[in-house]
Amino acid sequence: MRQGGIIAYPTESVFGLGCNPWDEAAVLRLLALKKRSVKQGVILISDSFDRLIPYVGQVSQERLRRVLSQWPGPVTWLLPAAEGVPKWLTGAHESLAMRVTAHPVAAALCHAAGMPLVSTSANITHHPPARTALQAKIRCGGEIDLIIHGNTGGLARPTPILDAMSGETLRA
């Protein structure tokens, strides 16, 4: 990842694709692989909230407590993006989707890398997401630099996405 690589790995529900969030070329390569617009933004996952702090803008303690009460866990939250967070992460939004994962493999990857990872489902946009390492390889082909084998967390659907500021559910 430190050299611009894209990895596939198990998450709470599906196999994810990840890369270094500060490597613009890697993020754009990942989005091209998925045929996904940079305007949509991406999700960051981490093994701890401390690693996400540099990405978080102004949020009240009350709202932050609500978010932290569900982490680590399979809930993705939209939080205001800190000043300087690149548009290749936020897309056309002022917020950034983030999750402190409880999945052991995904959390171990973030811990080993010493940083959050971009995390998006291993598939071409509008196609079914991969649920196994083999499906990730078939769906994303030679564009993945490394596939981490393991089991997903068993959720039937991708993690819900909630807006910490409005309370709105964007994905159930």
C-alpha atoms as a PDB file:
ATOM      1  CA  MET A   1       0.000   0.000   0.000  1.00  0.00           C
ATOM      2  CA  ARG A   2       2.859   2.371   0.691  1.00  0.00           C
ATOM      3  CA  GLN A   3       3.898   1.935  -2.952  1.00  0.00           C
ATOM      4  CA  GLY A   4       0.452   2.649  -4.433  1.00  0.00           C
ATOM      5  CA  GLY A   5      -0.930  -0.881  -4.252  1.00  0.00           C
ATOM      6  CA  ILE A   6      -4.565  -1.926  -4.051  1.00  0.00           C
ATOM      7  CA  ILE A   7      -5.521  -4.781  -1.765  1.00  0.00           C
ATOM      8  CA  ALA A   8      -8.670  -6.878  -1.388  1.00  0.00           C
ATOM      9  CA  TYR A   9      -9.621  -8.080   2.081  1.00  0.00           C
ATOM     10  CA  PRO A  10     -12.623  -9.338   4.063  1.00  0.00           C
ATOM     11  CA  THR A  11     -14.812  -6.886   5.957  1.00  0.00           C
ATOM     12  CA  GLU A  12     -17.995  -7.180   8.005  1.00  0.00           C
ATOM     13  CA  SER A  13     -20.153  -8.125   5.005  1.00  0.00           C
ATOM     14  CA  VAL A  14     -18.204  -8.232   1.752  1.00  0.00           C
ATOM     15  CA  PHE A  15     -14.668  -8.201   0.429  1.00  0.00           C
ATOM     16  CA  GLY A  16     -13.345  -4.681   0.276  1.00  0.00           C
ATOM     17  CA  LEU A  17     -10.802  -2.948  -1.897  1.00  0.00           C
ATOM     18  CA  GLY A  18      -8.401  -0.694  -0.099  1.00  0.00           C
ATOM     19  CA  CYS A  19      -5.421   1.577  -0.512  1.00  0.00           C
ATOM     20  CA  ASN A  20      -3.530   4.398   1.174  1.00  0.00           C
ATOM     21  CA  PRO A  21      -5.988   7.311   1.476  1.00  0.00           C
ATOM     22  CA  TRP A  22      -3.234   9.926   0.989  1.00  0.00           C
ATOM     23  CA  ASP A  23      -2.053   8.363  -2.287  1.00  0.00           C
ATOM     24  CA  GLU A  24      -4.144  10.154  -4.914  1.00  0.00           C
ATOM     25  CA  ALA A  25      -2.936   7.924  -7.755  1.00  0.00           C
ATOM     26  CA  ALA A  26      -3.863   4.764  -5.819  1.00  0.00           C
ATOM     27  CA  VAL A  27      -7.325   6.075  -4.932  1.00  0.00           C
ATOM     28  CA  LEU A  28      -7.982   7.151  -8.530  1.00  0.00           C
ATOM     29  CA  ARG A  29      -6.735   3.768  -9.760  1.00  0.00           C
ATOM     30  CA  LEU A  30      -9.102   2.014  -7.338  1.00  0.00           C
ATOM     31  CA  LEU A  31     -12.037   4.162  -8.487  1.00  0.00           C
ATOM     32  CA  ALA A  32     -11.192   3.482 -12.148  1.00  0.00           C
ATOM     33  CA  LEU A  33     -11.111  -0.251 -11.421  1.00  0.00           C
ATOM     34  CA  LYS A  34     -14.633   0.035  -9.970  1.00  0.00           C
ATOM     35  CA  LYS A  35     -15.804   2.423 -12.696  1.00  0.00           C
ATOM     36  CA  ARG A  36     -16.905   4.726  -9.867  1.00  0.00           C
ATOM     37  CA  SER A  37     -16.989   8.501 -10.038  1.00  0.00           C
ATOM     38  CA  VAL A  38     -14.603  10.392  -7.775  1.00  0.00           C
ATOM     39  CA  LYS A  39     -17.587  12.667  -6.982  1.00  0.00           C
ATOM     40  CA  GLN A  40     -19.133   9.902  -4.849  1.00  0.00           C
ATOM     41  CA  GLY A  41     -16.392   9.852  -2.239  1.00  0.00           C
ATOM     42  CA  VAL A  42     -15.110   6.790  -0.411  1.00  0.00           C
ATOM     43  CA  ILE A  43     -15.223   5.186   3.031  1.00  0.00           C
ATOM     44  CA  LEU A  44     -12.237   5.099   5.366  1.00  0.00           C
ATOM     45  CA  ILE A  45     -11.908   2.238   7.829  1.00  0.00           C
ATOM     46  CA  SER A  46      -9.598   2.108  10.813  1.00  0.00           C
ATOM     47  CA  ASP A  47      -8.728  -0.055  13.761  1.00  0.00           C
ATOM     48  CA  SER A  48      -9.124   2.939  16.098  1.00  0.00           C
ATOM     49  CA  PHE A  49     -10.813   6.319  16.208  1.00  0.00           C
ATOM     50  CA  ASP A  50      -7.460   7.950  16.997  1.00  0.00           C
ATOM     51  CA  ARG A  51      -6.279   7.233  13.432  1.00  0.00           C
ATOM     52  CA  LEU A  52      -9.418   8.924  12.033  1.00  0.00           C
ATOM     53  CA  ILE A  53      -9.106  12.130  14.076  1.00  0.00           C
ATOM     54  CA  PRO A  54      -7.012  13.945  11.412  1.00  0.00           C
ATOM     55  CA  TYR A  55      -9.883  13.434   8.936  1.00  0.00           C
ATOM     56  CA  VAL A  56     -12.699  14.674  11.221  1.00  0.00           C
ATOM     57  CA  GLY A  57     -13.844  18.294  11.161  1.00  0.00           C
ATOM     58  CA  GLN A  58     -15.960  20.125  13.724  1.00  0.00           C
ATOM     59  CA  VAL A  59     -18.542  17.914  15.425  1.00  0.00           C
ATOM     60  CA  SER A  60     -20.264  18.364  18.786  1.00  0.00           C
ATOM     61  CA  GLN A  61     -19.306  16.125  21.688  1.00  0.00           C
ATOM     62  CA  GLU A  62     -22.899  14.860  21.842  1.00  0.00           C
ATOM     63  CA  ARG A  63     -22.862  13.720  18.217  1.00  0.00           C
ATOM     64  CA  LEU A  64     -19.383  12.291  18.564  1.00  0.00           C
ATOM     65  CA  ARG A  65     -20.462  10.271  21.619  1.00  0.00           C
ATOM     66  CA  ARG A  66     -23.293   8.751  19.560  1.00  0.00           C
ATOM     67  CA  VAL A  67     -20.833   7.742  16.832  1.00  0.00           C
ATOM     68  CA  LEU A  68     -18.264   6.346  19.259  1.00  0.00           C
ATOM     69  CA  SER A  69     -20.934   4.333  21.090  1.00  0.00           C
ATOM     70  CA  GLN A  70     -21.269   2.185  17.951  1.00  0.00           C
ATOM     71  CA  TRP A  71     -17.554   1.741  17.255  1.00  0.00           C
ATOM     72  CA  PRO A  72     -15.795  -0.519  16.790  1.00  0.00           C
ATOM     73  CA  GLY A  73     -18.608  -2.092  14.861  1.00  0.00           C
ATOM     74  CA  PRO A  74     -20.358  -2.466  11.536  1.00  0.00           C
ATOM     75  CA  VAL A  75     -21.741   1.083  11.256  1.00  0.00           C
ATOM     76  CA  THR A  76     -20.335   3.648   8.837  1.00  0.00           C
ATOM     77  CA  TRP A  77     -20.835   7.287   9.811  1.00  0.00           C
ATOM     78  CA  LEU A  78     -20.666  10.433   7.717  1.00  0.00           C
ATOM     79  CA  LEU A  79     -18.731  13.042   9.666  1.00  0.00           C
ATOM     80  CA  PRO A  80     -17.672  16.533   8.633  1.00  0.00           C
ATOM     81  CA  ALA A  81     -14.339  16.341   6.838  1.00  0.00           C
ATOM     82  CA  ALA A  82     -11.427  18.232   8.341  1.00  0.00           C
ATOM     83  CA  GLU A  83      -9.894  21.086   6.420  1.00  0.00           C
ATOM     84  CA  GLY A  84      -7.322  19.726   3.997  1.00  0.00           C
ATOM     85  CA  VAL A  85      -8.937  16.300   3.486  1.00  0.00           C
ATOM     86  CA  PRO A  86      -8.548  15.755  -0.259  1.00  0.00           C
ATOM     87  CA  LYS A  87     -11.502  15.736  -2.656  1.00  0.00           C
ATOM     88  CA  TRP A  88     -10.464  12.305  -3.938  1.00  0.00           C
ATOM     89  CA  LEU A  89     -11.718  11.064  -0.534  1.00  0.00           C
ATOM     90  CA  THR A  90     -14.764  13.275   0.022  1.00  0.00           C
ATOM     91  CA  GLY A  91     -15.871  13.584  -3.583  1.00  0.00           C
ATOM     92  CA  ALA A  92     -18.480  16.306  -3.996  1.00  0.00           C
ATOM     93  CA  HIS A  93     -19.294  16.234  -0.266  1.00  0.00           C
ATOM     94  CA  GLU A  94     -18.251  18.215   2.792  1.00  0.00           C
ATOM     95  CA  SER A  95     -18.358  15.022   4.843  1.00  0.00           C
ATOM     96  CA  LEU A  96     -16.393  11.785   4.830  1.00  0.00           C
ATOM     97  CA  ALA A  97     -17.699   8.268   5.478  1.00  0.00           C
ATOM     98  CA  MET A  98     -15.730   6.513   8.237  1.00  0.00           C
ATOM     99  CA  ARG A  99     -15.876   3.312  10.251  1.00  0.00           C
ATOM    100  CA  VAL A 100     -13.862   1.853  13.103  1.00  0.00           C
ATOM    101  CA  THR A 101     -14.076  -1.769  12.091  1.00  0.00           C
ATOM    102  CA  ALA A 102     -14.386  -4.694  14.459  1.00  0.00           C
ATOM    103  CA  HIS A 103     -13.552  -7.172  11.700  1.00  0.00           C
ATOM    104  CA  PRO A 104     -10.305  -8.824  12.854  1.00  0.00           C
ATOM    105  CA  VAL A 105      -8.602  -8.974   9.443  1.00  0.00           C
ATOM    106  CA  ALA A 106      -9.574  -5.454   8.363  1.00  0.00           C
ATOM    107  CA  ALA A 107      -8.572  -4.044  11.759  1.00  0.00           C
ATOM    108  CA  ALA A 108      -5.246  -5.910  11.649  1.00  0.00           C
ATOM    109  CA  LEU A 109      -4.512  -4.437   8.203  1.00  0.00           C
ATOM    110  CA  CYS A 110      -5.115  -0.907   9.469  1.00  0.00           C
ATOM    111  CA  HIS A 111      -2.991  -1.599  12.539  1.00  0.00           C
ATOM    112  CA  ALA A 112      -0.134  -3.050  10.464  1.00  0.00           C
ATOM    113  CA  ALA A 113      -0.290  -0.147   8.007  1.00  0.00           C
ATOM    114  CA  GLY A 114      -0.447   2.384  10.836  1.00  0.00           C
ATOM    115  CA  MET A 115      -3.207   4.273   9.040  1.00  0.00           C
ATOM    116  CA  PRO A 116      -6.830   4.114   7.961  1.00  0.00           C
ATOM    117  CA  LEU A 117      -7.558   2.486   4.606  1.00  0.00           C
ATOM    118  CA  VAL A 118      -9.858   3.456   1.799  1.00  0.00           C
ATOM    119  CA  SER A 119     -12.543   0.792   1.837  1.00  0.00           C
ATOM    120  CA  THR A 120     -15.038   0.104  -0.909  1.00  0.00           C
ATOM    121  CA  SER A 121     -16.668  -3.109  -2.031  1.00  0.00           C
ATOM    122  CA  ALA A 122     -14.689  -5.383  -4.339  1.00  0.00           C
ATOM    123  CA  ASN A 123     -16.804  -5.155  -7.472  1.00  0.00           C
ATOM    124  CA  ILE A 124     -17.529  -3.051 -10.510  1.00  0.00           C
ATOM    125  CA  THR A 125     -20.117  -0.389  -9.640  1.00  0.00           C
ATOM    126  CA  HIS A 126     -23.708  -1.690  -9.904  1.00  0.00           C
ATOM    127  CA  HIS A 127     -22.533  -5.330  -9.891  1.00  0.00           C
ATOM    128  CA  PRO A 128     -22.757  -7.712  -6.913  1.00  0.00           C
ATOM    129  CA  PRO A 129     -19.959  -7.289  -4.365  1.00  0.00           C
ATOM    130  CA  ALA A 130     -17.474 -10.096  -3.792  1.00  0.00           C
ATOM    131  CA  ARG A 131     -18.024 -12.176  -0.679  1.00  0.00           C
ATOM    132  CA  THR A 132     -14.945 -14.391  -1.060  1.00  0.00           C
ATOM    133  CA  ALA A 133     -11.336 -13.957  -2.113  1.00  0.00           C
ATOM    134  CA  LEU A 134     -12.030 -15.920  -5.298  1.00  0.00           C
ATOM    135  CA  GLN A 135     -14.953 -13.679  -6.215  1.00  0.00           C
ATOM    136  CA  ALA A 136     -12.756 -10.603  -5.606  1.00  0.00           C
ATOM    137  CA  LYS A 137     -10.139 -12.035  -7.965  1.00  0.00           C
ATOM    138  CA  ILE A 138     -12.748 -12.844 -10.632  1.00  0.00           C
ATOM    139  CA  ARG A 139     -14.546  -9.489 -10.350  1.00  0.00           C
ATOM    140  CA  CYS A 140     -11.495  -7.269 -10.154  1.00  0.00           C
ATOM    141  CA  GLY A 141      -8.953  -9.329 -12.062  1.00  0.00           C
ATOM    142  CA  GLY A 142      -5.339  -8.344 -12.329  1.00  0.00           C
ATOM    143  CA  GLU A 143      -5.942  -4.847 -10.984  1.00  0.00           C
ATOM    144  CA  ILE A 144      -5.590  -6.038  -7.388  1.00  0.00           C
ATOM    145  CA  ASP A 145      -2.017  -6.155  -6.129  1.00  0.00           C
ATOM    146  CA  LEU A 146      -2.703  -8.399  -3.124  1.00  0.00           C
ATOM    147  CA  ILE A 147      -5.678 -10.433  -1.894  1.00  0.00           C
ATOM    148  CA  ILE A 148      -5.896 -11.138   1.835  1.00  0.00           C
ATOM    149  CA  HIS A 149      -7.816 -14.343   2.429  1.00  0.00           C
ATOM    150  CA  GLY A 150     -10.295 -14.690   5.262  1.00  0.00           C
ATOM    151  CA  ASN A 151     -13.973 -14.828   6.063  1.00  0.00           C
ATOM    152  CA  THR A 152     -16.297 -11.874   5.976  1.00  0.00           C
ATOM    153  CA  GLY A 153     -18.136 -11.005   9.173  1.00  0.00           C
ATOM    154  CA  GLY A 154     -21.378 -12.558   7.995  1.00  0.00           C
ATOM    155  CA  LEU A 155     -23.566  -9.470   7.557  1.00  0.00           C
ATOM    156  CA  ALA A 156     -26.065 -10.029   4.762  1.00  0.00           C
ATOM    157  CA  ARG A 157     -25.813  -6.436   3.530  1.00  0.00           C
ATOM    158  CA  PRO A 158     -23.074  -3.793   3.420  1.00  0.00           C
ATOM    159  CA  THR A 159     -22.757  -1.760   6.609  1.00  0.00           C
ATOM    160  CA  PRO A 160     -25.390   0.895   7.202  1.00  0.00           C
ATOM    161  CA  ILE A 161     -24.316   4.479   6.558  1.00  0.00           C
ATOM    162  CA  LEU A 162     -25.633   7.140   8.946  1.00  0.00           C
ATOM    163  CA  ASP A 163     -25.145  10.901   8.854  1.00  0.00           C
ATOM    164  CA  ALA A 164     -23.820  12.038  12.231  1.00  0.00           C
ATOM    165  CA  MET A 165     -24.992  15.609  11.686  1.00  0.00           C
ATOM    166  CA  SER A 166     -28.558  15.034  10.468  1.00  0.00           C
ATOM    167  CA  GLY A 167     -29.221  11.593  11.933  1.00  0.00           C
ATOM    168  CA  GLU A 168     -30.399  10.465   8.494  1.00  0.00           C
ATOM    169  CA  THR A 169     -29.884   6.863   7.377  1.00  0.00           C
ATOM    170  CA  LEU A 170     -28.300   6.904   3.924  1.00  0.00           C
ATOM    171  CA  ARG A 171     -27.938   3.140   3.557  1.00  0.00           C
ATOM    172  CA  ALA A 172     -29.834   0.686   5.728  1.00  0.00           C
END
